[in-house]
PDB file of all heavy atoms in Angstrom:
ATOM      1  N   GLY A   1      14.267 167.119  -3.370  1.00  0.00           N
ATOM      2  CA  GLY A   1      13.820 168.494  -3.557  1.00  0.00           C
ATOM      3  C   GLY A   1      13.871 169.312  -2.271  1.00  0.00           C
ATOM      4  O   GLY A   1      14.450 170.381  -2.249  1.00  0.00           O
ATOM      5  N   LEU A   2      13.325 168.715  -1.176  1.00  0.00           N
ATOM      6  CA  LEU A   2      13.294 169.398   0.093  1.00  0.00           C
ATOM      7  C   LEU A   2      14.716 169.522   0.668  1.00  0.00           C
ATOM      8  O   LEU A   2      15.124 170.543   1.235  1.00  0.00           O
ATOM      9  CB  LEU A   2      12.400 168.649   1.088  1.00  0.00           C
ATOM     10  CG  LEU A   2      10.919 168.703   0.732  1.00  0.00           C
ATOM     11  CD1 LEU A   2      10.119 167.844   1.737  1.00  0.00           C
ATOM     12  CD2 LEU A   2      10.374 170.122   0.812  1.00  0.00           C
ATOM     13  N   SER A   3      15.549 168.452   0.540  1.00  0.00           N
ATOM     14  CA  SER A   3      16.905 168.457   1.044  1.00  0.00           C
ATOM     15  C   SER A   3      17.714 169.522   0.330  1.00  0.00           C
ATOM     16  O   SER A   3      18.463 170.297   0.956  1.00  0.00           O
ATOM     17  CB  SER A   3      17.522 167.095   0.900  1.00  0.00           C
ATOM     18  OG  SER A   3      16.867 166.117   1.638  1.00  0.00           O
ATOM     19  N   ALA A   4      17.602 169.546  -1.017  1.00  0.00           N
ATOM     20  CA  ALA A   4      18.305 170.569  -1.793  1.00  0.00           C
ATOM     21  C   ALA A   4      17.903 171.935  -1.428  1.00  0.00           C
ATOM     22  O   ALA A   4      18.761 172.860  -1.327  1.00  0.00           O
ATOM     23  CB  ALA A   4      18.086 170.289  -3.296  1.00  0.00           C
ATOM     24  N   TYR A   5      16.629 172.150  -1.191  1.00  0.00           N
ATOM     25  CA  TYR A   5      16.147 173.487  -0.830  1.00  0.00           C
ATOM     26  C   TYR A   5      16.737 173.924   0.515  1.00  0.00           C
ATOM     27  O   TYR A   5      17.198 175.073   0.615  1.00  0.00           O
ATOM     28  CB  TYR A   5      14.609 173.502  -0.746  1.00  0.00           C
ATOM     29  CG  TYR A   5      14.024 174.779  -0.286  1.00  0.00           C
ATOM     30  CD1 TYR A   5      13.979 175.900  -1.206  1.00  0.00           C
ATOM     31  CD2 TYR A   5      13.517 174.977   0.947  1.00  0.00           C
ATOM     32  CE1 TYR A   5      13.457 177.111  -0.833  1.00  0.00           C
ATOM     33  CE2 TYR A   5      13.009 176.224   1.349  1.00  0.00           C
ATOM     34  CZ  TYR A   5      12.968 177.267   0.437  1.00  0.00           C
ATOM     35  OH  TYR A   5      12.446 178.469   0.820  1.00  0.00           O
ATOM     36  N   ALA A   6      16.721 173.044   1.497  1.00  0.00           N
ATOM     37  CA  ALA A   6      17.267 173.368   2.797  1.00  0.00           C
ATOM     38  C   ALA A   6      18.776 173.606   2.757  1.00  0.00           C
ATOM     39  O   ALA A   6      19.268 174.494   3.407  1.00  0.00           O
ATOM     40  CB  ALA A   6      16.976 172.222   3.784  1.00  0.00           C
ATOM     41  N   ILE A   7      19.489 172.824   1.920  1.00  0.00           N
ATOM     42  CA  ILE A   7      20.927 172.966   1.847  1.00  0.00           C
ATOM     43  C   ILE A   7      21.321 174.222   1.078  1.00  0.00           C
ATOM     44  O   ILE A   7      22.238 174.973   1.548  1.00  0.00           O
ATOM     45  CB  ILE A   7      21.531 171.735   1.168  1.00  0.00           C
ATOM     46  CG1 ILE A   7      21.385 170.490   2.079  1.00  0.00           C
ATOM     47  CG2 ILE A   7      23.006 171.937   0.882  1.00  0.00           C
ATOM     48  CD1 ILE A   7      21.744 169.166   1.402  1.00  0.00           C
ATOM     49  N   LEU A   8      20.684 174.477  -0.063  1.00  0.00           N
ATOM     50  CA  LEU A   8      21.043 175.592  -0.910  1.00  0.00           C
ATOM     51  C   LEU A   8      20.641 176.955  -0.256  1.00  0.00           C
ATOM     52  O   LEU A   8      21.412 177.930  -0.277  1.00  0.00           O
ATOM     53  CB  LEU A   8      20.413 175.486  -2.261  1.00  0.00           C
ATOM     54  CG  LEU A   8      20.923 174.294  -3.118  1.00  0.00           C
ATOM     55  CD1 LEU A   8      20.186 174.194  -4.441  1.00  0.00           C
ATOM     56  CD2 LEU A   8      22.391 174.419  -3.383  1.00  0.00           C
ATOM     57  N   THR A   9      19.458 176.995   0.339  1.00  0.00           N
ATOM     58  CA  THR A   9      19.013 178.226   0.935  1.00  0.00           C
ATOM     59  C   THR A   9      19.610 178.468   2.316  1.00  0.00           C
ATOM     60  O   THR A   9      19.749 179.575   2.816  1.00  0.00           O
ATOM     61  CB  THR A   9      17.484 178.312   1.067  1.00  0.00           C
ATOM     62  OG1 THR A   9      17.012 177.244   1.910  1.00  0.00           O
ATOM     63  CG2 THR A   9      16.858 178.135  -0.316  1.00  0.00           C
ATOM     64  N   ARG A  10      19.966 177.324   2.976  1.00  0.00           N
ATOM     65  CA  ARG A  10      20.513 177.345   4.353  1.00  0.00           C
ATOM     66  C   ARG A  10      19.610 178.104   5.322  1.00  0.00           C
ATOM     67  O   ARG A  10      20.082 178.742   6.265  1.00  0.00           O
ATOM     68  CB  ARG A  10      21.915 177.987   4.342  1.00  0.00           C
ATOM     69  CG  ARG A  10      22.882 177.267   3.376  1.00  0.00           C
ATOM     70  CD  ARG A  10      24.313 177.817   3.475  1.00  0.00           C
ATOM     71  NE  ARG A  10      24.997 177.272   4.638  1.00  0.00           N
ATOM     72  CZ  ARG A  10      25.608 176.080   4.655  1.00  0.00           C
ATOM     73  NH1 ARG A  10      25.579 175.301   3.561  1.00  0.00           N
ATOM     74  NH2 ARG A  10      26.224 175.660   5.729  1.00  0.00           N
ATOM     75  N   LYS A  11      18.299 177.982   5.129  1.00  0.00           N
ATOM     76  CA  LYS A  11      17.358 178.562   6.012  1.00  0.00           C
ATOM     77  C   LYS A  11      17.289 177.773   7.290  1.00  0.00           C
ATOM     78  O   LYS A  11      17.508 176.562   7.290  1.00  0.00           O
ATOM     79  CB  LYS A  11      16.011 178.694   5.384  1.00  0.00           C
ATOM     80  CG  LYS A  11      15.883 179.727   4.237  1.00  0.00           C
ATOM     81  CD  LYS A  11      14.464 179.836   3.709  1.00  0.00           C
ATOM     82  CE  LYS A  11      14.338 180.904   2.688  1.00  0.00           C
ATOM     83  NZ  LYS A  11      12.908 181.042   2.143  1.00  0.00           N
ATOM     84  N   ASP A  12      16.894 178.438   8.372  1.00  0.00           N
ATOM     85  CA  ASP A  12      16.743 177.784   9.649  1.00  0.00           C
ATOM     86  C   ASP A  12      15.298 177.388   9.803  1.00  0.00           C
ATOM     87  O   ASP A  12      14.416 178.186   9.940  1.00  0.00           O
ATOM     88  CB  ASP A  12      17.162 178.678  10.783  1.00  0.00           C
ATOM     89  CG  ASP A  12      17.156 178.037  12.155  1.00  0.00           C
ATOM     90  OD1 ASP A  12      16.755 176.858  12.200  1.00  0.00           O
ATOM     91  OD2 ASP A  12      17.508 178.643  13.114  1.00  0.00           O
ATOM     92  N   PHE A  13      14.989 176.065   9.752  1.00  0.00           N
ATOM     93  CA  PHE A  13      13.677 175.569   9.872  1.00  0.00           C
ATOM     94  C   PHE A  13      13.330 175.040  11.262  1.00  0.00           C
ATOM     95  O   PHE A  13      12.434 174.220  11.461  1.00  0.00           O
ATOM     96  CB  PHE A  13      13.431 174.443   8.838  1.00  0.00           C
ATOM     97  CG  PHE A  13      13.331 174.922   7.438  1.00  0.00           C
ATOM     98  CD1 PHE A  13      14.445 174.853   6.583  1.00  0.00           C
ATOM     99  CD2 PHE A  13      12.147 175.447   6.944  1.00  0.00           C
ATOM    100  CE1 PHE A  13      14.390 175.271   5.271  1.00  0.00           C
ATOM    101  CE2 PHE A  13      12.095 175.846   5.625  1.00  0.00           C
ATOM    102  CZ  PHE A  13      13.181 175.800   4.807  1.00  0.00           C
ATOM    103  N   SER A  14      14.073 175.585  12.240  1.00  0.00           N
ATOM    104  CA  SER A  14      13.785 175.167  13.659  1.00  0.00           C
ATOM    105  C   SER A  14      12.426 175.497  14.118  1.00  0.00           C
ATOM    106  O   SER A  14      11.863 174.924  15.004  1.00  0.00           O
ATOM    107  CB  SER A  14      14.884 175.715  14.578  1.00  0.00           C
ATOM    108  OG  SER A  14      14.867 177.124  14.535  1.00  0.00           O
ATOM    109  N   PHE A  15      11.821 176.555  13.459  1.00  0.00           N
ATOM    110  CA  PHE A  15      10.458 176.971  13.811  1.00  0.00           C
ATOM    111  C   PHE A  15       9.436 175.902  13.554  1.00  0.00           C
ATOM    112  O   PHE A  15       8.281 175.967  14.014  1.00  0.00           O
ATOM    113  CB  PHE A  15      10.110 178.254  13.031  1.00  0.00           C
ATOM    114  CG  PHE A  15       9.974 178.058  11.578  1.00  0.00           C
ATOM    115  CD1 PHE A  15       8.782 177.677  10.975  1.00  0.00           C
ATOM    116  CD2 PHE A  15      11.098 178.313  10.761  1.00  0.00           C
ATOM    117  CE1 PHE A  15       8.669 177.506   9.610  1.00  0.00           C
ATOM    118  CE2 PHE A  15      10.999 178.130   9.355  1.00  0.00           C
ATOM    119  CZ  PHE A  15       9.760 177.753   8.774  1.00  0.00           C
ATOM    120  N   LEU A  16       9.818 174.853  12.803  1.00  0.00           N
ATOM    121  CA  LEU A  16       8.864 173.750  12.465  1.00  0.00           C
ATOM    122  C   LEU A  16       8.719 172.763  13.621  1.00  0.00           C
ATOM    123  O   LEU A  16       7.868 171.894  13.537  1.00  0.00           O
ATOM    124  CB  LEU A  16       9.350 173.017  11.236  1.00  0.00           C
ATOM    125  CG  LEU A  16       9.230 173.720   9.877  1.00  0.00           C
ATOM    126  CD1 LEU A  16       9.847 172.877   8.772  1.00  0.00           C
ATOM    127  CD2 LEU A  16       7.769 174.015   9.555  1.00  0.00           C
ATOM    128  N   SER A  17       9.506 172.913  14.694  1.00  0.00           N
ATOM    129  CA  SER A  17       9.471 171.945  15.786  1.00  0.00           C
ATOM    130  C   SER A  17       8.080 171.885  16.450  1.00  0.00           C
ATOM    131  O   SER A  17       7.544 170.844  16.733  1.00  0.00           O
ATOM    132  CB  SER A  17      10.469 172.356  16.862  1.00  0.00           C
ATOM    133  OG  SER A  17      10.244 173.638  17.382  1.00  0.00           O
ATOM    134  N   GLY A  18       7.440 173.081  16.573  1.00  0.00           N
ATOM    135  CA  GLY A  18       6.128 173.111  17.149  1.00  0.00           C
ATOM    136  C   GLY A  18       5.055 172.410  16.234  1.00  0.00           C
ATOM    137  O   GLY A  18       4.211 171.653  16.729  1.00  0.00           O
ATOM    138  N   PHE A  19       5.192 172.666  14.959  1.00  0.00           N
ATOM    139  CA  PHE A  19       4.281 172.049  13.984  1.00  0.00           C
ATOM    140  C   PHE A  19       4.435 170.533  13.984  1.00  0.00           C
ATOM    141  O   PHE A  19       3.466 169.748  13.916  1.00  0.00           O
ATOM    142  CB  PHE A  19       4.584 172.576  12.537  1.00  0.00           C
ATOM    143  CG  PHE A  19       3.855 171.854  11.488  1.00  0.00           C
ATOM    144  CD1 PHE A  19       2.508 172.110  11.174  1.00  0.00           C
ATOM    145  CD2 PHE A  19       4.512 170.917  10.703  1.00  0.00           C
ATOM    146  CE1 PHE A  19       1.859 171.416  10.123  1.00  0.00           C
ATOM    147  CE2 PHE A  19       3.864 170.222   9.705  1.00  0.00           C
ATOM    148  CZ  PHE A  19       2.570 170.496   9.431  1.00  0.00           C
ATOM    149  N   ILE A  20       5.717 170.087  14.037  1.00  0.00           N
ATOM    150  CA  ILE A  20       5.994 168.658  14.057  1.00  0.00           C
ATOM    151  C   ILE A  20       5.462 167.971  15.314  1.00  0.00           C
ATOM    152  O   ILE A  20       4.841 166.897  15.206  1.00  0.00           O
ATOM    153  CB  ILE A  20       7.539 168.453  13.941  1.00  0.00           C
ATOM    154  CG1 ILE A  20       8.017 168.848  12.552  1.00  0.00           C
ATOM    155  CG2 ILE A  20       7.876 166.961  14.212  1.00  0.00           C
ATOM    156  CD1 ILE A  20       9.542 168.845  12.414  1.00  0.00           C
ATOM    157  N   MET A  21       5.617 168.605  16.458  1.00  0.00           N
ATOM    158  CA  MET A  21       5.057 168.061  17.695  1.00  0.00           C
ATOM    159  C   MET A  21       3.527 167.965  17.623  1.00  0.00           C
ATOM    160  O   MET A  21       2.931 166.931  17.962  1.00  0.00           O
ATOM    161  CB  MET A  21       5.484 168.878  18.895  1.00  0.00           C
ATOM    162  CG  MET A  21       4.949 168.342  20.204  1.00  0.00           C
ATOM    163  SD  MET A  21       5.415 166.593  20.557  1.00  0.00           S
ATOM    164  CE  MET A  21       7.172 166.756  20.761  1.00  0.00           C
ATOM    165  N   ALA A  22       2.886 169.062  17.204  1.00  0.00           N
ATOM    166  CA  ALA A  22       1.455 169.088  17.099  1.00  0.00           C
ATOM    167  C   ALA A  22       0.977 168.113  16.028  1.00  0.00           C
ATOM    168  O   ALA A  22      -0.035 167.415  16.245  1.00  0.00           O
ATOM    169  CB  ALA A  22       0.969 170.498  16.719  1.00  0.00           C
ATOM    170  N   GLY A  23       1.663 168.016  14.958  1.00  0.00           N
ATOM    171  CA  GLY A  23       1.287 167.060  13.903  1.00  0.00           C
ATOM    172  C   GLY A  23       1.374 165.625  14.378  1.00  0.00           C
ATOM    173  O   GLY A  23       0.539 164.793  14.022  1.00  0.00           O
ATOM    174  N   PHE A  24       2.416 165.321  15.149  1.00  0.00           N
ATOM    175  CA  PHE A  24       2.567 163.948  15.689  1.00  0.00           C
ATOM    176  C   PHE A  24       1.374 163.609  16.554  1.00  0.00           C
ATOM    177  O   PHE A  24       0.855 162.488  16.424  1.00  0.00           O
ATOM    178  CB  PHE A  24       3.894 163.873  16.478  1.00  0.00           C
ATOM    179  CG  PHE A  24       4.045 162.541  17.203  1.00  0.00           C
ATOM    180  CD1 PHE A  24       4.438 161.410  16.463  1.00  0.00           C
ATOM    181  CD2 PHE A  24       3.809 162.446  18.529  1.00  0.00           C
ATOM    182  CE1 PHE A  24       4.613 160.203  17.088  1.00  0.00           C
ATOM    183  CE2 PHE A  24       3.948 161.219  19.167  1.00  0.00           C
ATOM    184  CZ  PHE A  24       4.339 160.087  18.469  1.00  0.00           C
ATOM    185  N   ILE A  25       0.961 164.518  17.407  1.00  0.00           N
ATOM    186  CA  ILE A  25      -0.111 164.216  18.352  1.00  0.00           C
ATOM    187  C   ILE A  25      -1.406 164.060  17.540  1.00  0.00           C
ATOM    188  O   ILE A  25      -2.203 163.093  17.801  1.00  0.00           O
ATOM    189  CB  ILE A  25      -0.266 165.353  19.369  1.00  0.00           C
ATOM    190  CG1 ILE A  25       0.962 165.414  20.302  1.00  0.00           C
ATOM    191  CG2 ILE A  25      -1.511 165.186  20.230  1.00  0.00           C
ATOM    192  CD1 ILE A  25       0.996 166.562  21.208  1.00  0.00           C
ATOM    193  N   VAL A  26      -1.660 164.964  16.585  1.00  0.00           N
ATOM    194  CA  VAL A  26      -2.863 164.880  15.784  1.00  0.00           C
ATOM    195  C   VAL A  26      -2.921 163.587  14.958  1.00  0.00           C
ATOM    196  O   VAL A  26      -3.955 162.847  14.920  1.00  0.00           O
ATOM    197  CB  VAL A  26      -2.990 166.064  14.841  1.00  0.00           C
ATOM    198  CG1 VAL A  26      -4.116 165.894  13.870  1.00  0.00           C
ATOM    199  CG2 VAL A  26      -3.187 167.385  15.650  1.00  0.00           C
ATOM    200  N   LEU A  27      -1.827 163.247  14.342  1.00  0.00           N
ATOM    201  CA  LEU A  27      -1.769 161.991  13.530  1.00  0.00           C
ATOM    202  C   LEU A  27      -1.896 160.779  14.368  1.00  0.00           C
ATOM    203  O   LEU A  27      -2.557 159.801  13.972  1.00  0.00           O
ATOM    204  CB  LEU A  27      -0.472 161.989  12.743  1.00  0.00           C
ATOM    205  CG  LEU A  27      -0.351 162.931  11.587  1.00  0.00           C
ATOM    206  CD1 LEU A  27       1.067 162.895  11.003  1.00  0.00           C
ATOM    207  CD2 LEU A  27      -1.336 162.592  10.487  1.00  0.00           C
ATOM    208  N   LEU A  28      -1.336 160.789  15.590  1.00  0.00           N
ATOM    209  CA  LEU A  28      -1.456 159.624  16.482  1.00  0.00           C
ATOM    210  C   LEU A  28      -2.919 159.439  16.850  1.00  0.00           C
ATOM    211  O   LEU A  28      -3.443 158.309  16.818  1.00  0.00           O
ATOM    212  CB  LEU A  28      -0.625 159.854  17.731  1.00  0.00           C
ATOM    213  CG  LEU A  28      -0.629 158.743  18.795  1.00  0.00           C
ATOM    214  CD1 LEU A  28      -0.106 157.457  18.196  1.00  0.00           C
ATOM    215  CD2 LEU A  28       0.203 159.142  19.981  1.00  0.00           C
ATOM    216  N   GLY A  29      -3.575 160.531  17.187  1.00  0.00           N
ATOM    217  CA  GLY A  29      -5.025 160.468  17.478  1.00  0.00           C
ATOM    218  C   GLY A  29      -5.863 159.948  16.329  1.00  0.00           C
ATOM    219  O   GLY A  29      -6.796 159.201  16.499  1.00  0.00           O
ATOM    220  N   ALA A  30      -5.504 160.456  15.119  1.00  0.00           N
ATOM    221  CA  ALA A  30      -6.240 160.026  13.955  1.00  0.00           C
ATOM    222  C   ALA A  30      -6.031 158.540  13.642  1.00  0.00           C
ATOM    223  O   ALA A  30      -6.972 157.843  13.246  1.00  0.00           O
ATOM    224  CB  ALA A  30      -5.826 160.876  12.772  1.00  0.00           C
ATOM    225  N   VAL A  31      -4.792 158.033  13.845  1.00  0.00           N
ATOM    226  CA  VAL A  31      -4.513 156.622  13.614  1.00  0.00           C
ATOM    227  C   VAL A  31      -5.300 155.811  14.583  1.00  0.00           C
ATOM    228  O   VAL A  31      -5.895 154.748  14.205  1.00  0.00           O
ATOM    229  CB  VAL A  31      -3.028 156.351  13.728  1.00  0.00           C
ATOM    230  CG1 VAL A  31      -2.707 154.875  13.741  1.00  0.00           C
ATOM    231  CG2 VAL A  31      -2.246 157.057  12.580  1.00  0.00           C
ATOM    232  N   VAL A  32      -5.366 156.190  15.850  1.00  0.00           N
ATOM    233  CA  VAL A  32      -6.126 155.437  16.843  1.00  0.00           C
ATOM    234  C   VAL A  32      -7.617 155.442  16.458  1.00  0.00           C
ATOM    235  O   VAL A  32      -8.302 154.404  16.546  1.00  0.00           O
ATOM    236  CB  VAL A  32      -5.932 156.046  18.257  1.00  0.00           C
ATOM    237  CG1 VAL A  32      -6.894 155.385  19.255  1.00  0.00           C
ATOM    238  CG2 VAL A  32      -4.501 155.857  18.694  1.00  0.00           C
ATOM    239  N   ALA A  33      -8.127 156.587  16.033  1.00  0.00           N
ATOM    240  CA  ALA A  33      -9.501 156.714  15.635  1.00  0.00           C
ATOM    241  C   ALA A  33      -9.837 155.854  14.453  1.00  0.00           C
ATOM    242  O   ALA A  33     -10.970 155.315  14.310  1.00  0.00           O
ATOM    243  CB  ALA A  33      -9.866 158.143  15.325  1.00  0.00           C
ATOM    244  N   SER A  34      -8.850 155.632  13.578  1.00  0.00           N
ATOM    245  CA  SER A  34      -9.080 154.812  12.382  1.00  0.00           C
ATOM    246  C   SER A  34      -9.355 153.362  12.668  1.00  0.00           C
ATOM    247  O   SER A  34      -9.952 152.642  11.888  1.00  0.00           O
ATOM    248  CB  SER A  34      -7.891 154.930  11.436  1.00  0.00           C
ATOM    249  OG  SER A  34      -6.745 154.304  11.963  1.00  0.00           O
ATOM    250  N   PHE A  35      -8.933 152.937  13.884  1.00  0.00           N
ATOM    251  CA  PHE A  35      -9.187 151.531  14.294  1.00  0.00           C
ATOM    252  C   PHE A  35     -10.623 151.328  14.647  1.00  0.00           C
ATOM    253  O   PHE A  35     -11.158 150.208  14.586  1.00  0.00           O
ATOM    254  CB  PHE A  35      -8.321 151.176  15.502  1.00  0.00           C
ATOM    255  CG  PHE A  35      -6.863 151.153  15.150  1.00  0.00           C
ATOM    256  CD1 PHE A  35      -5.901 151.755  15.986  1.00  0.00           C
ATOM    257  CD2 PHE A  35      -6.399 150.454  14.066  1.00  0.00           C
ATOM    258  CE1 PHE A  35      -4.593 151.699  15.695  1.00  0.00           C
ATOM    259  CE2 PHE A  35      -5.031 150.418  13.765  1.00  0.00           C
ATOM    260  CZ  PHE A  35      -4.131 151.052  14.568  1.00  0.00           C
ATOM    261  N   PHE A  36     -11.356 152.413  15.014  1.00  0.00           N
ATOM    262  CA  PHE A  36     -12.711 152.336  15.472  1.00  0.00           C
ATOM    263  C   PHE A  36     -13.695 152.778  14.353  1.00  0.00           C
ATOM    264  O   PHE A  36     -14.832 152.388  14.345  1.00  0.00           O
ATOM    265  CB  PHE A  36     -12.927 153.118  16.716  1.00  0.00           C
ATOM    266  CG  PHE A  36     -12.033 152.719  17.858  1.00  0.00           C
ATOM    267  CD1 PHE A  36     -10.865 153.375  18.160  1.00  0.00           C
ATOM    268  CD2 PHE A  36     -12.440 151.619  18.684  1.00  0.00           C
ATOM    269  CE1 PHE A  36     -10.037 152.994  19.234  1.00  0.00           C
ATOM    270  CE2 PHE A  36     -11.593 151.224  19.723  1.00  0.00           C
ATOM    271  CZ  PHE A  36     -10.441 151.923  20.002  1.00  0.00           C
TER     272      PHE A  36
END
């Protein structure tokens, strides 16, 4: 569904790079916290 949406609309989702980086850091911290 997501692949088809990106291909058919041909929208530029490069703006998600910041969200992805922030999400990676937050998720990494949450995973570490889950050990404790």
